[in-house]
Each structure stands twice: as structure tokens, then as C-alpha cells.
Amino acid sequence: MMSSRPQRLFVLAGLTALATASTATTASAQYRVGVVLGGTSPWGVLVEYRWKRQGLELQAGTWSFRDLSLSLTAKQYIGSNAVEPYFGAGLWGIVARVEEGAGYGLIARLPVGLDWEFASRHSAGFAIHLNRALALKRPDPADQRPPRAAFIPLPELNYRWLARER
């Protein structure tokens, strides 16, 4: 179980991200697609729905083609310049199959990053995700160690292309 302080931090970050997401309008909605290096996997793909200063991002990736990594993150962008900082909250799930059996993990993530629009319809980004395991089932049934309680930072680089704007 999480101690009360980190739990409050995740609840506060999640409520902040969801509260800002509730002000969505379709007047300036964007759909962005891209590729990602690092973060939830060595490589992956992403789709982001963005409106006003908020975004909802879905990432899919793999570590070894014997696993699937999915994450869903709500983001709040700050400012309206070519370089936009952001923060957010989300969940990352991973399912893997190895010789010992199948395992899974559910991880809370708090990203802090920058999104840089370097050309019309093209953006690059960098983020640090603070990750903390919430639930874990290891492939080896004899391994009953609890998830680590530490926050684990993982860097991420990404490229996004503005696919469509409404």
C-alpha cells in the first residue's frame, strides 16, 4: 500500500489534470500522432487528443515484443509559445509473458515536460516521468516481493505530427 503522502500527491495531481480536462471545447481540438523513445518502453507510438491547453495521450510500446505497454495520461500545457511546458498524471500498464509465466504491472506516472513546435504541424518533446508501482504480479509465483515504494524517473523523447485540427 502507498503511504498517505504519496497517495495524496497522486490524488491531487489526478484531480488537477481531470479538472482542467473537463473544460474541453471542440473549437480548437487537435489530433496528433507520433513516435516515442524511452518512457514506458524503448520505442512506441502515441496518439494525443488536445484542446485548448489540455491533452489526453495514449501510448503503446514494447520492450522485447513479448510484452505490451500502454499508458494513458492527462496533460495540462502552460503558455502558448512555440515551447510549451506541461505536467500531468496518468496510469501505465504493462503485461509480459516469459518462460516462468505471465506478469503485469500497474504504475502511476507524473510527467513534467516540454513540447516544442519546430515547424508547422511538427513538434518534438522531452519529458521526465516520475513512476510509482501501484500493483504488481511477477511471473514467478514464488516471488512475492512487494512493489518498490520509490519514485522512479524515466526520460522520454518524442516526435508528434498534427494529423487533424477541428
Protein backbone atom coordinates (compact mmCIF):
# COMPACT_ATOMS: atom_id res chain seq x y z
CA MET A 1 0.00 0.00 0.00
CA MET A 2 1.06 3.57 -0.56
CA SER A 3 1.79 5.81 2.36
CA SER A 4 -0.64 8.69 2.80
CA ARG A 5 1.68 11.43 1.50
CA PRO A 6 2.41 9.91 -1.97
CA GLN A 7 -1.21 8.83 -2.22
CA ARG A 8 -2.37 12.41 -1.61
CA LEU A 9 0.14 13.64 -4.20
CA PHE A 10 -1.25 11.28 -6.86
CA VAL A 11 -4.86 12.09 -5.99
CA LEU A 12 -4.17 15.84 -6.13
CA ALA A 13 -2.29 15.59 -9.45
CA GLY A 14 -5.01 13.38 -10.94
CA LEU A 15 -7.83 15.67 -9.81
CA THR A 16 -5.99 18.71 -11.17
CA ALA A 17 -5.47 17.06 -14.55
CA LEU A 18 -9.08 15.85 -14.73
CA ALA A 19 -10.49 19.18 -13.61
CA THR A 20 -8.63 21.02 -16.35
CA ALA A 21 -9.69 18.37 -18.87
CA SER A 22 -13.37 18.98 -18.06
CA THR A 23 -13.23 22.43 -19.71
CA ALA A 24 -12.82 20.92 -23.19
CA THR A 25 -14.34 22.57 -26.22
CA THR A 26 -14.18 21.32 -29.77
CA ALA A 27 -13.38 24.72 -31.32
CA SER A 28 -9.61 24.14 -31.32
CA ALA A 29 -9.32 20.37 -30.95
CA GLN A 30 -6.26 18.67 -32.43
CA TYR A 31 -5.29 15.08 -33.08
CA ARG A 32 -1.55 14.44 -33.00
CA VAL A 33 0.23 11.15 -33.74
CA GLY A 34 3.87 10.31 -33.25
CA VAL A 35 6.67 8.11 -32.06
CA VAL A 36 8.28 7.94 -28.64
CA LEU A 37 11.70 6.82 -27.40
CA GLY A 38 12.01 5.95 -23.73
CA GLY A 39 9.45 6.42 -21.01
CA THR A 40 7.17 3.37 -20.96
CA SER A 41 9.31 1.38 -23.44
CA PRO A 42 12.43 1.77 -25.60
CA TRP A 43 10.17 2.73 -28.51
CA GLY A 44 6.48 3.15 -29.13
CA VAL A 45 3.71 5.08 -30.83
CA LEU A 46 1.38 7.71 -29.43
CA VAL A 47 -1.92 9.42 -30.17
CA GLU A 48 -2.86 12.66 -28.46
CA TYR A 49 -6.17 14.50 -28.41
CA ARG A 50 -5.55 18.12 -27.49
CA TRP A 51 -7.90 21.03 -26.84
CA LYS A 52 -7.20 24.49 -25.51
CA ARG A 53 -4.32 23.92 -23.06
CA GLN A 54 -5.17 20.29 -22.18
CA GLY A 55 -4.31 16.94 -23.73
CA LEU A 56 -5.13 13.28 -23.36
CA GLU A 57 -2.38 10.95 -24.61
CA LEU A 58 -2.39 7.22 -25.29
CA GLN A 59 0.98 5.48 -25.77
CA ALA A 60 1.63 1.90 -26.84
CA GLY A 61 5.05 0.25 -26.91
CA THR A 62 7.10 -2.81 -26.15
CA TRP A 63 10.37 -3.78 -24.51
CA SER A 64 11.00 -7.11 -26.23
CA PHE A 65 7.97 -7.97 -28.43
CA ARG A 66 6.85 -10.40 -25.68
CA ASP A 67 5.11 -7.63 -23.76
CA LEU A 68 2.69 -4.78 -24.29
CA SER A 69 2.99 -1.45 -22.57
CA LEU A 70 0.03 1.01 -22.59
CA SER A 71 -0.25 4.35 -20.86
CA LEU A 72 -2.99 6.95 -20.66
CA THR A 73 -2.01 10.41 -19.43
CA ALA A 74 -3.96 13.65 -18.93
CA LYS A 75 -1.78 16.72 -19.50
CA GLN A 76 -2.01 20.43 -18.75
CA TYR A 77 0.03 22.71 -21.03
CA ILE A 78 1.28 26.06 -19.75
CA GLY A 79 1.65 29.09 -22.01
CA SER A 80 1.06 29.43 -25.73
CA ASN A 81 4.52 29.81 -27.24
CA ALA A 82 6.47 27.55 -29.60
CA VAL A 83 7.89 25.84 -26.47
CA GLU A 84 5.18 24.79 -24.03
CA PRO A 85 5.90 23.22 -20.64
CA TYR A 86 3.38 20.70 -19.31
CA PHE A 87 2.62 18.47 -16.35
CA GLY A 88 0.13 15.69 -15.94
CA ALA A 89 -0.98 12.46 -14.32
CA GLY A 90 -1.70 9.05 -15.72
CA LEU A 91 -1.55 5.29 -15.50
CA TRP A 92 0.81 2.89 -17.20
CA GLY A 93 0.06 -0.79 -17.54
CA ILE A 94 2.38 -3.50 -18.78
CA VAL A 95 1.67 -7.17 -19.47
CA ALA A 96 4.52 -9.58 -20.22
CA ARG A 97 4.88 -13.27 -20.94
CA VAL A 98 8.13 -15.10 -20.17
CA GLU A 99 9.08 -18.75 -19.66
CA GLU A 100 8.14 -18.58 -15.97
CA GLY A 101 4.62 -17.33 -16.83
CA ALA A 102 2.77 -14.06 -17.28
CA GLY A 103 3.11 -10.94 -15.18
CA TYR A 104 1.67 -7.46 -15.09
CA GLY A 105 2.23 -4.10 -13.53
CA LEU A 106 0.09 -1.02 -12.94
CA ILE A 107 2.11 2.14 -12.45
CA ALA A 108 1.10 5.72 -11.63
CA ARG A 109 3.00 8.32 -13.62
CA LEU A 110 3.52 12.05 -13.21
CA PRO A 111 5.09 13.62 -16.30
CA VAL A 112 6.80 17.00 -16.46
CA GLY A 113 7.98 18.03 -19.90
CA LEU A 114 8.37 20.44 -22.80
CA ASP A 115 6.64 20.39 -26.19
CA TRP A 116 8.40 22.34 -28.97
CA GLU A 117 6.62 23.17 -32.24
CA PHE A 118 9.66 23.49 -34.53
CA ALA A 119 7.73 23.66 -37.83
CA SER A 120 4.12 23.90 -38.90
CA ARG A 121 2.36 20.68 -37.79
CA HIS A 122 5.60 19.17 -36.35
CA SER A 123 6.60 19.02 -32.68
CA ALA A 124 9.34 17.43 -30.61
CA GLY A 125 9.22 16.86 -26.90
CA PHE A 126 11.14 15.81 -23.84
CA ALA A 127 9.68 14.65 -20.53
CA ILE A 128 10.65 13.11 -17.24
CA HIS A 129 8.02 10.75 -15.87
CA LEU A 130 8.02 10.05 -12.14
CA ASN A 131 6.68 6.50 -11.85
CA ARG A 132 5.49 4.55 -8.83
CA ALA A 133 4.22 0.97 -8.87
CA LEU A 134 0.65 0.53 -7.64
CA ALA A 135 0.13 -3.19 -8.32
CA LEU A 136 2.46 -5.92 -9.49
CA LYS A 137 2.17 -9.61 -10.31
CA ARG A 138 5.53 -11.20 -11.02
CA PRO A 139 5.80 -14.16 -13.43
CA ASP A 140 7.46 -16.34 -10.79
CA PRO A 141 4.72 -17.35 -8.28
CA ALA A 142 7.34 -17.83 -5.56
CA ASP A 143 8.41 -14.17 -5.89
CA GLN A 144 6.09 -12.32 -3.52
CA ARG A 145 8.18 -9.16 -3.06
CA PRO A 146 6.02 -6.02 -2.82
CA PRO A 147 6.43 -3.27 -5.44
CA ARG A 148 9.13 -0.71 -4.79
CA ALA A 149 7.82 2.34 -2.94
CA ALA A 150 10.29 4.72 -4.59
CA PHE A 151 9.51 7.16 -7.39
CA ILE A 152 11.47 6.10 -10.47
CA PRO A 153 12.24 8.83 -13.04
CA LEU A 154 12.23 7.75 -16.70
CA PRO A 155 13.18 10.14 -19.53
CA GLU A 156 11.28 10.26 -22.82
CA LEU A 157 11.84 11.85 -26.23
CA ASN A 158 9.01 12.14 -28.74
CA TYR A 159 8.03 13.44 -32.15
CA ARG A 160 4.43 14.46 -32.93
CA TRP A 161 2.72 15.33 -36.17
CA LEU A 162 -0.52 17.30 -36.21
CA ALA A 163 -2.78 14.90 -38.11
CA ARG A 164 -6.01 16.84 -37.92
CA GLU A 165 -7.43 20.01 -36.45
CA ARG A 166 -11.12 20.72 -35.90
